[in-house]
Amino acid sequence: MIKSMTGYGKAEMEVNNKKITIEIKSLNSKQIDINTRTPALYREKDIEIRKALSDKLIRGKVDFNIYVENLGEESNSRINEPILKSYYHDLEKISRELGLPVDQSTLQAVMRLPDVVKTEYETLDEQEWENIYANILSALNDIEAFRIKEGLALEADILSNVRSIHTLLREVEPFEKQRIETLKTRFSDNLETLRTNGNVDENRFEQELIFYLEKLDINEEKVRLTNHCEYFYETVALPESSGKKLGFISQEIGREINTIGSKANESNIQRIVVQMKDHLERVKEQLLNVL
């Protein structure tokens, strides 16, 4: 099963005259990378939030946000009346001494001075937090569903390209015999041009030819490439998503394709190898977003 690292989840709730919106977004990343933005009231729960995100999402660049909208008439900000009156009387006295008018602008100036407006911080209600945490889990379930849906599209495309590599491998076979005959002819022609006295040790020539052809043999690479493709299918079919493992297998597939290309010495096989590499690049590109 393949899951994408891309996902989006959202949950909304109303509690204690507040509308709380939770948003979680995830993108691809090699490791878990969590960025949280929460109001000061819930800051003490940051570690708990991060643990829930890392346990559920495993990998990815995650942005977590809690937005709070006050639905009541009360505010946490209060005017500190004693401070305000003290400032005002002082400014009023100074203004009169300087012959300046005392009007509405004086009060506006006072409101901007330190400690005139104070914020009363709430204490976190544990029952409220339990409701919020339940909605965080709900948003995480939304992301899970999103990742599975995106994963299905990724899986179809990735498997299509791996199957194409497997199919192209079978297309190499018809050119192998022709490749060997071509190499033998080339060696014989080159030998004729180097012949100096008309005498050639045919046995030695055959031995050298066999040795050289064994070095160019690609049967072992074909078998390994087939096994890697089969292992890729088996890994995709596992219940859990295994993006890193699939990445390692794709590297092994690439290694065998490159070796076949370097040993080919045949234009048709080399064209097939180029097509294999094209499909493999698409696989690697898609695997970057697999969990």
Foldseek 3Di string as FASTA:
>chain_A
DWFFQWFKFKFWDDDPQKIKIKIKTWFFDPFEAEDEDEPPQCVVCVVVLVVVCCVLSVGTHMYIYMDMDGRDPDFQKDFPVVQLVVQLVVVVVVCVVVVHDDDPVSSVVSCPDPPRIDGHDDHDDVVVVVVVVVRSVVRSVRRRVVRVVVGVVLVVLLLVLLVLLLVLLVVCVVCPVVQLVVVVVVVVVVVVVVDDPPDDDVVVVVVVSVVVVVVLDLPVLSVVLVVLSVVLVVQVPDPDWDLPVNLVSLVSNLVSLVSNCVSVNDDVSVVSSVSSVVSSVVNNVSSSRID
